[in-house]
N, C-alpha and C. Protein backbone atom coordinates (compact mmCIF):
# COMPACT_ATOMS: atom_id res chain seq x y z
N PRO A 1 105.25 211.19 322.95
CA PRO A 1 104.56 211.27 321.47
C PRO A 1 104.79 212.13 320.24
N MET A 2 104.56 211.66 319.20
CA MET A 2 105.07 212.14 317.89
C MET A 2 104.17 213.18 317.66
N PRO A 3 104.64 214.79 316.72
CA PRO A 3 103.67 215.11 316.32
C PRO A 3 102.95 214.78 315.27
N GLU A 4 101.36 214.71 315.00
CA GLU A 4 100.39 214.65 314.36
C GLU A 4 101.10 213.94 312.73
N ALA A 5 102.13 215.01 312.43
CA ALA A 5 102.29 215.35 310.74
C ALA A 5 103.76 213.64 310.49
N MET A 6 104.32 213.60 311.72
CA MET A 6 105.18 212.62 311.30
C MET A 6 104.49 211.62 311.83
N VAL A 7 103.35 211.10 312.42
CA VAL A 7 103.04 210.11 312.79
C VAL A 7 102.42 209.38 311.59
N ASN A 8 101.49 210.54 310.78
CA ASN A 8 101.03 210.10 309.26
C ASN A 8 102.19 210.19 308.36
N VAL A 9 102.93 210.26 308.47
CA VAL A 9 104.24 210.14 307.68
C VAL A 9 104.91 208.83 307.37
N TRP A 10 104.72 208.09 309.25
CA TRP A 10 105.45 207.04 309.04
C TRP A 10 104.54 206.17 308.75
N PHE A 11 103.12 206.16 309.06
CA PHE A 11 101.91 205.18 308.32
C PHE A 11 101.92 205.33 306.68
N PHE A 12 102.15 206.52 306.35
CA PHE A 12 102.35 206.44 305.05
C PHE A 12 103.56 205.62 304.49
N ALA A 13 104.92 205.91 305.05
CA ALA A 13 106.14 205.05 304.66
C ALA A 13 105.66 203.85 304.68
N ALA A 14 104.85 203.17 306.06
CA ALA A 14 104.81 201.99 306.52
C ALA A 14 103.46 201.23 305.03
N ASN A 15 103.06 201.85 304.77
CA ASN A 15 101.75 201.72 303.62
C ASN A 15 102.76 201.60 302.20
N PHE A 16 103.47 202.46 302.06
CA PHE A 16 103.75 202.37 301.02
C PHE A 16 105.09 201.08 300.50
N LEU A 17 106.10 200.70 301.80
CA LEU A 17 106.77 200.14 302.10
C LEU A 17 106.06 198.29 301.49
N VAL A 18 104.83 198.59 302.36
CA VAL A 18 104.82 196.96 301.92
C VAL A 18 103.77 196.98 300.75
N VAL A 19 103.07 198.02 300.03
CA VAL A 19 102.55 198.28 298.60
C VAL A 19 103.62 197.57 297.46
N LEU A 20 105.13 197.86 297.61
CA LEU A 20 106.22 198.05 297.00
C LEU A 20 106.42 196.85 296.83
N ILE A 21 106.32 195.79 298.47
CA ILE A 21 106.91 194.49 298.33
C ILE A 21 105.44 193.97 297.54
N LEU A 22 104.44 193.81 298.14
CA LEU A 22 103.00 193.39 297.70
C LEU A 22 102.49 193.15 296.07
N PHE A 23 102.96 194.46 295.90
CA PHE A 23 102.54 194.32 294.84
C PHE A 23 103.81 194.92 293.60
N ARG A 24 104.92 194.51 293.69
CA ARG A 24 106.32 194.62 292.88
C ARG A 24 106.14 194.30 291.18
N ARG A 25 105.34 193.16 291.53
CA ARG A 25 105.31 192.29 289.97
C ARG A 25 104.18 193.39 289.04
N PHE A 26 102.95 193.33 290.03
CA PHE A 26 102.22 194.29 289.00
C PHE A 26 102.80 195.85 288.86
N LEU A 27 103.65 196.20 289.70
CA LEU A 27 104.19 197.35 289.37
C LEU A 27 105.07 197.55 288.55
N GLY A 28 105.74 196.70 288.31
CA GLY A 28 106.68 196.43 286.83
C GLY A 28 106.10 195.86 286.07
N LYS A 29 105.04 195.21 285.89
CA LYS A 29 104.53 194.97 284.41
C LYS A 29 103.53 196.46 284.10
N ASN A 30 103.28 197.08 284.97
CA ASN A 30 102.22 198.34 284.39
C ASN A 30 103.64 199.45 283.88
N LEU A 31 104.96 199.54 284.54
CA LEU A 31 105.82 200.15 284.16
C LEU A 31 106.43 200.25 282.74
N ARG A 32 106.28 198.30 282.51
CA ARG A 32 106.77 198.41 281.14
C ARG A 32 105.66 198.75 279.90
N VAL A 33 104.33 199.09 280.44
CA VAL A 33 103.24 199.87 279.54
C VAL A 33 103.72 201.00 279.43
N VAL A 34 104.38 201.61 280.39
CA VAL A 34 104.56 203.10 280.35
C VAL A 34 105.88 203.32 279.45
N ARG A 35 106.87 202.55 279.53
CA ARG A 35 107.94 202.45 278.63
C ARG A 35 107.34 201.99 277.34
N GLU A 36 106.62 201.40 277.10
CA GLU A 36 106.43 200.84 275.75
C GLU A 36 105.27 201.87 275.02
N HIS A 37 104.63 202.53 275.84
CA HIS A 37 103.63 203.80 275.45
C HIS A 37 103.20 204.52 275.95
N PRO A 38 104.78 205.52 276.14
CA PRO A 38 104.67 206.69 277.04
C PRO A 38 103.69 208.00 277.09
N TRP A 39 103.71 208.11 275.67
CA TRP A 39 102.44 209.35 275.39
C TRP A 39 100.87 208.60 275.67
N HIS A 40 100.82 207.46 275.60
CA HIS A 40 99.50 206.79 275.79
C HIS A 40 99.10 207.33 277.13
N VAL A 41 100.08 206.87 278.05
CA VAL A 41 99.87 206.90 279.31
C VAL A 41 99.40 208.08 279.91
N LEU A 42 100.44 209.03 279.37
CA LEU A 42 100.25 210.54 279.94
C LEU A 42 99.08 211.24 279.05
N ARG A 43 98.82 211.23 277.78
CA ARG A 43 97.48 211.30 277.46
C ARG A 43 96.30 211.08 278.60
N TRP A 44 95.87 209.63 279.06
CA TRP A 44 94.90 209.57 279.80
C TRP A 44 95.21 210.11 281.08
N ALA A 45 96.54 209.85 281.34
CA ALA A 45 96.36 210.92 282.73
C ALA A 45 96.31 212.23 282.68
N GLY A 46 96.70 213.03 281.84
CA GLY A 46 96.59 214.16 281.81
C GLY A 46 94.98 214.42 281.28
N VAL A 47 94.20 213.55 280.83
CA VAL A 47 92.64 213.99 280.40
C VAL A 47 92.31 213.37 281.92
N GLY A 48 92.57 212.27 282.49
CA GLY A 48 91.65 212.13 283.85
C GLY A 48 91.95 212.97 284.60
N LEU A 49 92.99 213.82 284.91
CA LEU A 49 93.30 215.06 285.75
C LEU A 49 92.32 216.41 285.14
N LEU A 50 92.37 216.47 284.35
CA LEU A 50 91.73 217.67 283.89
C LEU A 50 90.00 217.42 283.98
N ILE A 51 89.51 216.28 283.96
CA ILE A 51 88.28 215.79 284.31
C ILE A 51 87.75 216.11 285.66
N SER A 52 88.97 215.35 286.20
CA SER A 52 88.92 215.39 287.89
C SER A 52 89.00 216.55 288.71
N MET A 53 89.83 217.34 287.91
CA MET A 53 89.88 218.50 288.35
C MET A 53 88.39 219.67 288.39
N ALA A 54 87.97 219.38 286.98
CA ALA A 54 86.75 220.03 286.63
C ALA A 54 85.54 219.46 287.71
N GLY A 55 85.50 218.50 288.04
CA GLY A 55 84.46 217.45 288.51
C GLY A 55 84.54 218.41 290.11
N ASN A 56 85.93 217.94 290.28
CA ASN A 56 85.64 219.22 291.84
C ASN A 56 85.31 220.26 291.97
N GLY A 57 85.60 221.21 290.94
CA GLY A 57 85.71 222.56 291.01
C GLY A 57 84.00 222.63 290.53
N ILE A 58 83.31 221.65 289.76
CA ILE A 58 81.71 221.83 289.88
C ILE A 58 80.92 221.27 291.60
N PHE A 59 81.63 220.61 291.95
CA PHE A 59 81.26 219.95 293.23
C PHE A 59 81.50 221.24 293.91
N THR A 60 82.67 221.52 294.17
CA THR A 60 83.02 222.88 295.36
C THR A 60 81.95 223.88 294.56
N PHE A 61 81.58 224.63 293.88
CA PHE A 61 80.72 225.37 293.06
C PHE A 61 79.14 225.05 294.00
N VAL A 62 78.80 223.87 293.76
CA VAL A 62 77.44 223.72 293.85
C VAL A 62 77.38 223.28 295.51
N THR A 63 78.29 222.91 296.36
CA THR A 63 78.26 222.60 297.58
C THR A 63 78.63 224.25 298.02
N THR A 64 79.59 225.01 297.68
CA THR A 64 79.30 226.52 298.23
C THR A 64 77.99 227.28 298.19
N ALA A 65 77.45 226.92 297.17
CA ALA A 65 76.14 227.58 296.93
C ALA A 65 74.94 227.10 297.97
N PHE A 66 75.12 225.55 298.35
CA PHE A 66 73.89 224.82 299.06
C PHE A 66 74.48 225.01 300.55
N PHE A 67 75.84 224.95 300.72
CA PHE A 67 76.26 224.97 302.05
C PHE A 67 77.12 225.98 302.21
N PRO A 68 76.75 227.20 302.46
CA PRO A 68 78.35 227.83 302.52
C PRO A 68 79.23 227.71 304.07
N GLY A 69 79.92 228.10 304.01
CA GLY A 69 80.97 227.93 304.85
C GLY A 69 81.67 226.41 305.38
N PHE A 70 81.33 225.24 303.98
CA PHE A 70 81.85 224.20 304.24
C PHE A 70 82.90 223.55 304.01
N ALA A 71 84.07 223.09 304.78
CA ALA A 71 85.03 222.69 304.45
C ALA A 71 85.31 221.25 304.96
N ASN A 72 85.76 220.88 303.81
CA ASN A 72 86.11 219.09 304.09
C ASN A 72 86.87 218.92 305.24
N ILE A 73 86.65 218.07 306.09
CA ILE A 73 87.56 217.72 307.40
C ILE A 73 88.94 217.41 307.16
N ASN A 74 89.27 216.23 306.02
CA ASN A 74 90.37 215.92 305.96
C ASN A 74 91.33 216.79 305.44
N ASP A 75 90.78 218.21 303.98
CA ASP A 75 91.37 218.91 304.31
C ASP A 75 91.88 219.46 305.48
N THR A 76 91.26 219.84 305.84
CA THR A 76 91.62 220.80 307.31
C THR A 76 92.32 219.98 307.96
N ALA A 77 92.34 218.93 308.46
CA ALA A 77 93.61 217.65 308.80
C ALA A 77 94.66 218.22 308.59
N ILE A 78 94.82 217.58 306.91
CA ILE A 78 95.97 217.84 306.22
C ILE A 78 96.74 219.14 306.55
N MET A 79 95.61 220.25 306.16
CA MET A 79 96.27 221.69 306.20
C MET A 79 96.92 221.82 307.58
N GLU A 80 96.65 221.21 308.75
CA GLU A 80 97.25 221.72 310.04
C GLU A 80 98.33 220.68 310.07
N MET A 81 98.69 219.68 309.50
CA MET A 81 99.72 219.27 309.77
C MET A 81 100.94 219.29 308.67
N VAL A 82 100.14 220.25 307.33
CA VAL A 82 101.08 220.77 306.37
C VAL A 82 101.90 222.20 307.16
N GLN A 83 100.79 222.25 308.15
CA GLN A 83 101.65 223.96 308.65
C GLN A 83 102.25 223.49 309.70
N GLU A 84 102.25 222.18 310.12
CA GLU A 84 103.27 221.53 311.30
C GLU A 84 104.64 221.18 310.55
N ASN A 85 104.55 220.53 309.77
CA ASN A 85 105.80 220.23 309.07
C ASN A 85 105.60 219.95 307.24
N PHE A 86 106.10 221.07 306.32
CA PHE A 86 105.87 220.77 304.95
C PHE A 86 106.27 219.84 304.57
N GLY A 87 107.62 219.30 304.62
CA GLY A 87 108.16 218.85 303.89
C GLY A 87 108.18 217.08 304.19
N LEU A 88 107.75 217.07 305.09
CA LEU A 88 107.14 215.64 305.86
C LEU A 88 105.71 215.36 305.48
N MET A 89 105.34 216.14 305.50
CA MET A 89 103.53 216.00 304.57
C MET A 89 103.62 216.12 302.91
N THR A 90 104.51 216.75 302.55
CA THR A 90 104.60 216.63 301.12
C THR A 90 105.43 215.18 300.73
N LEU A 91 106.23 215.07 301.41
CA LEU A 91 106.93 213.48 301.49
C LEU A 91 105.93 212.32 301.06
N GLY A 92 105.07 212.40 302.28
CA GLY A 92 103.63 211.63 302.63
C GLY A 92 102.77 211.47 301.33
N THR A 93 102.07 212.77 301.34
CA THR A 93 100.81 212.64 300.93
C THR A 93 101.44 212.71 299.23
N VAL A 94 102.40 213.23 298.53
CA VAL A 94 103.06 213.38 297.22
C VAL A 94 103.53 212.28 296.79
N VAL A 95 104.17 211.81 297.39
CA VAL A 95 105.15 210.34 296.98
C VAL A 95 104.54 209.31 297.59
N PHE A 96 103.99 209.07 298.88
CA PHE A 96 103.76 207.46 299.50
C PHE A 96 102.56 207.31 299.59
N VAL A 97 101.26 208.04 299.38
CA VAL A 97 100.34 207.88 299.13
C VAL A 97 99.52 207.59 297.94
N PRO A 98 100.09 208.51 297.04
CA PRO A 98 99.15 207.78 295.77
C PRO A 98 99.69 206.25 295.21
N LEU A 99 100.98 206.03 295.18
CA LEU A 99 101.27 204.81 295.08
C LEU A 99 100.37 203.64 295.97
N ALA A 100 100.53 203.67 296.88
CA ALA A 100 99.84 202.93 297.98
C ALA A 100 98.35 203.15 297.81
N GLU A 101 97.63 203.96 297.37
CA GLU A 101 96.08 204.13 297.40
C GLU A 101 95.60 204.01 296.27
N GLU A 102 96.60 203.78 294.90
CA GLU A 102 95.97 203.73 293.58
C GLU A 102 96.44 201.84 293.46
N CYS A 103 97.73 201.37 294.48
CA CYS A 103 97.70 200.07 293.94
C CYS A 103 96.13 199.66 294.65
N PHE A 104 95.98 199.76 295.85
CA PHE A 104 95.13 199.46 296.25
C PHE A 104 93.59 199.45 295.71
N TYR A 105 93.33 200.59 295.72
CA TYR A 105 91.87 200.84 295.23
C TYR A 105 91.64 200.89 293.91
N ARG A 106 92.75 201.16 292.61
CA ARG A 106 92.58 200.79 291.13
C ARG A 106 93.02 199.60 290.79
N GLY A 107 94.34 199.38 291.58
CA GLY A 107 95.09 197.69 291.21
C GLY A 107 94.09 196.58 291.53
N LEU A 108 94.25 196.80 292.89
CA LEU A 108 93.25 195.33 293.71
C LEU A 108 91.57 195.84 293.29
N ILE A 109 91.05 196.74 293.71
CA ILE A 109 89.37 196.68 293.76
C ILE A 109 89.06 197.12 292.44
N PHE A 110 89.50 198.15 291.73
CA PHE A 110 89.07 198.58 290.62
C PHE A 110 89.32 197.02 289.46
N ARG A 111 90.55 196.81 289.10
CA ARG A 111 90.97 195.83 288.50
C ARG A 111 90.54 194.50 288.78
N GLY A 112 89.71 193.75 290.02
CA GLY A 112 89.80 193.22 290.39
C GLY A 112 88.28 192.76 290.27
N LEU A 113 87.20 193.96 290.04
CA LEU A 113 85.73 193.73 289.35
C LEU A 113 85.71 193.94 288.05
N TYR A 114 86.49 194.89 287.58
CA TYR A 114 86.66 195.46 286.15
C TYR A 114 85.82 194.51 284.90
N ASN A 115 86.65 193.39 284.99
CA ASN A 115 86.18 192.25 284.00
C ASN A 115 84.52 191.81 284.25
N ARG A 116 84.58 191.46 285.29
CA ARG A 116 82.99 191.27 286.06
C ARG A 116 81.97 192.04 285.55
N SER A 117 82.35 193.32 286.46
CA SER A 117 81.71 194.26 286.38
C SER A 117 82.00 196.01 286.12
N LYS A 118 81.91 196.56 284.81
CA LYS A 118 82.51 197.85 285.08
C LYS A 118 82.03 198.84 285.93
N ILE A 119 80.71 198.72 286.29
CA ILE A 119 79.97 199.46 287.03
C ILE A 119 80.00 199.06 288.31
N ALA A 120 80.42 198.01 288.64
CA ALA A 120 80.84 197.00 290.56
C ALA A 120 82.24 198.09 290.22
N ALA A 121 82.98 197.70 289.39
CA ALA A 121 84.38 198.46 289.54
C ALA A 121 84.28 199.83 289.93
N TYR A 122 83.94 200.69 289.14
CA TYR A 122 83.78 202.16 289.70
C TYR A 122 82.95 202.37 290.71
N VAL A 123 81.89 202.01 291.33
CA VAL A 123 81.14 202.04 292.50
C VAL A 123 81.67 201.77 293.72
N VAL A 124 82.50 200.60 293.40
CA VAL A 124 82.97 199.70 294.66
C VAL A 124 84.47 200.61 295.39
N SER A 125 85.13 201.14 294.29
CA SER A 125 86.46 201.70 294.04
C SER A 125 86.40 202.92 294.44
N SER A 126 85.87 203.43 293.91
CA SER A 126 85.41 204.96 294.67
C SER A 126 84.45 205.36 295.03
N LEU A 127 83.66 204.13 295.80
CA LEU A 127 82.91 204.88 297.20
C LEU A 127 84.15 204.14 298.58
N ALA A 128 84.87 203.20 298.15
CA ALA A 128 86.19 202.95 299.41
C ALA A 128 86.81 203.23 299.53
N PHE A 129 87.71 204.33 298.12
CA PHE A 129 88.23 205.80 297.78
C PHE A 129 88.23 206.78 298.96
N SER A 130 86.65 207.01 298.50
CA SER A 130 86.04 208.43 299.26
C SER A 130 85.67 207.90 300.89
N ALA A 131 85.50 206.81 301.00
CA ALA A 131 85.20 206.47 302.40
C ALA A 131 86.55 206.48 303.44
N ILE A 132 87.60 205.91 302.72
CA ILE A 132 89.19 206.02 303.96
C ILE A 132 89.40 207.40 303.89
N HIS A 133 88.66 208.59 303.22
CA HIS A 133 89.17 209.90 303.61
C HIS A 133 88.02 210.57 304.61
N VAL A 134 87.07 209.50 305.10
CA VAL A 134 86.26 210.42 306.05
C VAL A 134 86.11 209.26 307.25
N VAL A 135 86.21 208.15 306.95
CA VAL A 135 86.47 207.26 307.77
C VAL A 135 86.40 207.46 309.48
N GLY A 136 87.75 208.14 309.28
CA GLY A 136 88.20 208.64 311.03
C GLY A 136 87.86 209.18 311.69
N TYR A 137 86.40 210.14 311.08
CA TYR A 137 86.07 211.26 311.11
C TYR A 137 84.44 211.19 312.10
N ILE A 138 84.11 209.71 311.75
CA ILE A 138 82.92 209.34 312.27
C ILE A 138 82.41 209.27 313.67
N GLY A 139 81.52 209.84 314.18
CA GLY A 139 81.21 209.99 315.35
C GLY A 139 81.91 211.47 315.94
N LEU A 140 82.53 212.44 315.13
CA LEU A 140 83.28 213.39 315.57
C LEU A 140 82.51 214.89 314.70
N TYR A 141 81.76 214.36 313.83
CA TYR A 141 81.07 215.10 312.56
C TYR A 141 79.57 214.84 312.07
N ASP A 142 78.80 215.40 311.99
CA ASP A 142 77.51 215.03 311.79
C ASP A 142 77.54 214.23 310.41
N ALA A 143 76.10 213.41 310.27
CA ALA A 143 76.52 212.89 309.03
C ALA A 143 76.58 213.53 307.69
N GLN A 144 75.58 214.45 307.80
CA GLN A 144 75.27 215.52 306.32
C GLN A 144 77.01 215.89 305.89
N HIS A 145 78.05 216.44 306.94
CA HIS A 145 79.04 216.71 306.87
C HIS A 145 79.81 215.65 306.28
N LEU A 146 79.52 214.61 307.35
CA LEU A 146 80.66 213.56 306.61
C LEU A 146 80.17 212.72 304.96
N LEU A 147 78.88 212.91 304.97
CA LEU A 147 78.34 212.71 303.55
C LEU A 147 78.77 213.26 302.39
N LEU A 148 79.04 215.21 302.71
CA LEU A 148 79.72 215.82 301.81
C LEU A 148 81.10 215.91 301.26
N CYS A 149 81.82 215.51 302.69
CA CYS A 149 83.12 214.99 302.35
C CYS A 149 83.22 213.94 301.75
N LEU A 150 82.58 212.94 302.20
CA LEU A 150 82.74 211.64 300.99
C LEU A 150 82.78 212.35 299.27
N LEU A 151 81.46 212.73 299.22
CA LEU A 151 81.24 213.08 298.04
C LEU A 151 82.22 213.72 297.23
N GLN A 152 82.81 214.63 297.84
CA GLN A 152 84.01 215.50 297.26
C GLN A 152 84.83 214.26 296.55
N TYR A 153 85.26 213.36 297.16
CA TYR A 153 86.27 212.61 296.86
C TYR A 153 85.86 211.62 295.45
N LEU A 154 84.65 211.55 295.20
CA LEU A 154 83.69 210.91 294.10
C LEU A 154 84.42 210.63 292.94
N PRO A 155 84.30 212.32 292.55
CA PRO A 155 84.98 212.49 291.19
C PRO A 155 86.32 212.20 290.98
N ALA A 156 87.10 212.26 291.51
CA ALA A 156 88.46 212.01 291.69
C ALA A 156 88.25 210.67 291.48
N GLY A 157 88.05 209.58 292.23
CA GLY A 157 87.77 208.56 292.32
C GLY A 157 87.55 207.85 291.02
N VAL A 158 86.19 208.07 290.41
CA VAL A 158 85.54 208.08 289.20
C VAL A 158 87.02 208.38 287.85
N CYS A 159 87.50 209.15 287.79
CA CYS A 159 88.33 209.89 286.91
C CYS A 159 89.80 208.85 287.54
N LEU A 160 90.22 208.58 288.26
CA LEU A 160 91.64 207.78 288.53
C LEU A 160 91.35 206.28 288.25
N GLY A 161 89.79 205.44 288.35
CA GLY A 161 89.15 204.41 287.80
C GLY A 161 89.44 204.59 286.06
N TRP A 162 88.79 205.40 285.69
CA TRP A 162 88.43 205.64 284.38
C TRP A 162 90.05 205.44 283.28
N SER A 163 90.99 206.86 284.36
CA SER A 163 92.56 206.73 283.41
C SER A 163 92.98 205.35 283.66
N TYR A 164 93.04 204.39 284.33
CA TYR A 164 93.65 203.18 284.86
C TYR A 164 92.92 202.57 283.59
N ALA A 165 91.55 202.47 283.61
CA ALA A 165 91.25 201.34 282.42
C ALA A 165 91.62 201.99 280.47
N ARG A 166 91.52 203.44 281.08
CA ARG A 166 92.04 203.95 278.87
C ARG A 166 93.74 203.33 279.26
N ALA A 167 94.08 203.71 279.86
CA ALA A 167 95.58 203.92 279.88
C ALA A 167 96.25 202.21 279.89
N ASP A 168 95.29 201.42 281.11
CA ASP A 168 96.05 200.21 280.92
C ASP A 168 97.27 199.80 281.81
N SER A 169 97.18 201.01 282.46
CA SER A 169 98.42 201.42 283.42
C SER A 169 98.21 202.04 284.55
N ILE A 170 98.65 201.11 285.78
CA ILE A 170 98.30 201.79 287.36
C ILE A 170 98.78 203.09 287.46
N TRP A 171 100.04 203.82 286.48
CA TRP A 171 100.62 204.88 286.44
C TRP A 171 100.32 205.70 285.88
N ALA A 172 98.98 205.75 285.46
CA ALA A 172 98.33 207.00 284.88
C ALA A 172 97.42 207.30 286.31
N PRO A 173 96.70 206.75 286.59
CA PRO A 173 96.28 207.13 288.21
C PRO A 173 97.05 207.35 289.08
N ILE A 174 98.04 206.98 289.28
CA ILE A 174 99.58 207.35 290.35
C ILE A 174 100.01 209.09 289.72
N LEU A 175 99.58 209.00 288.58
CA LEU A 175 100.30 210.43 288.34
C LEU A 175 99.42 211.42 288.59
N ILE A 176 98.15 211.21 288.24
CA ILE A 176 97.06 211.93 288.45
C ILE A 176 97.08 212.27 290.05
N HIS A 177 97.16 211.27 290.90
CA HIS A 177 96.47 211.25 292.26
C HIS A 177 98.11 212.19 292.76
N ILE A 178 99.37 211.89 292.30
CA ILE A 178 100.36 212.81 292.58
C ILE A 178 100.21 214.21 292.44
N THR A 179 99.61 214.32 291.11
CA THR A 179 99.51 215.72 290.86
C THR A 179 98.59 216.55 291.79
N ILE A 180 97.22 216.03 291.85
CA ILE A 180 96.20 216.45 292.58
C ILE A 180 96.62 216.53 294.32
N ASN A 181 97.47 215.47 294.82
CA ASN A 181 97.62 216.18 295.83
C ASN A 181 99.28 216.76 296.11
N GLN A 182 99.94 217.20 295.14
CA GLN A 182 100.94 218.45 294.90
C GLN A 182 100.04 219.52 294.76
N ILE A 183 99.17 219.97 294.07
CA ILE A 183 98.70 221.15 293.98
C ILE A 183 97.98 221.54 295.18
N GLY A 184 97.42 220.59 296.46
CA GLY A 184 96.79 220.80 297.31
C GLY A 184 97.53 221.12 298.17
N ILE A 185 98.59 220.17 298.38
CA ILE A 185 100.08 220.51 299.38
C ILE A 185 100.65 222.40 298.82
N LEU A 186 100.42 222.47 297.87
CA LEU A 186 100.97 223.46 297.64
C LEU A 186 100.45 225.05 297.96
N SER A 187 98.74 224.45 297.60
CA SER A 187 97.81 225.65 297.93
C SER A 187 97.83 225.56 299.56
N MET A 188 98.25 224.48 300.47
CA MET A 188 98.06 224.53 301.87
C MET A 188 99.30 225.45 302.66
N GLY A 189 100.43 225.26 301.72
CA GLY A 189 101.40 225.56 302.34
C GLY A 189 102.07 227.10 302.38
């Protein structure tokens, strides 16, 4: 059996390649927006990143006040894999994951719902994004802990969707996601 970090990176790489194939036109079209309006995309990526980090900070402050010792189970699992293989986990979480997750949660779900219902776009894409980070732990942890972990990802999910809508390019949330994951990995390394 392969080490857990290796299994995860292979999974991340497979998702990445599938997304590159399936979303190649979408990514190319969105990349043209970046080439034509780079400062517009970077501005909304920067603002989205700041709001996301503020939301996460507020959530962490409140959670720590009411639930001392709370630790996000997904973060703990990733930290263990980072300790196992820092380089592979950096590649997986900073390069492969942001592109794949943003194309799916923002490019497919959010954009697919946005023209019909902006509220539904934010709610469904943010909840789906949050759920994917905790669904593998169902049955291993109590419902309250899983709910807190799910809630921790909601500010980022909303900000990623918001930045995509403002920048009109999937590359804004991809840049935010890359930055958030890089900060997380470096803090664990």
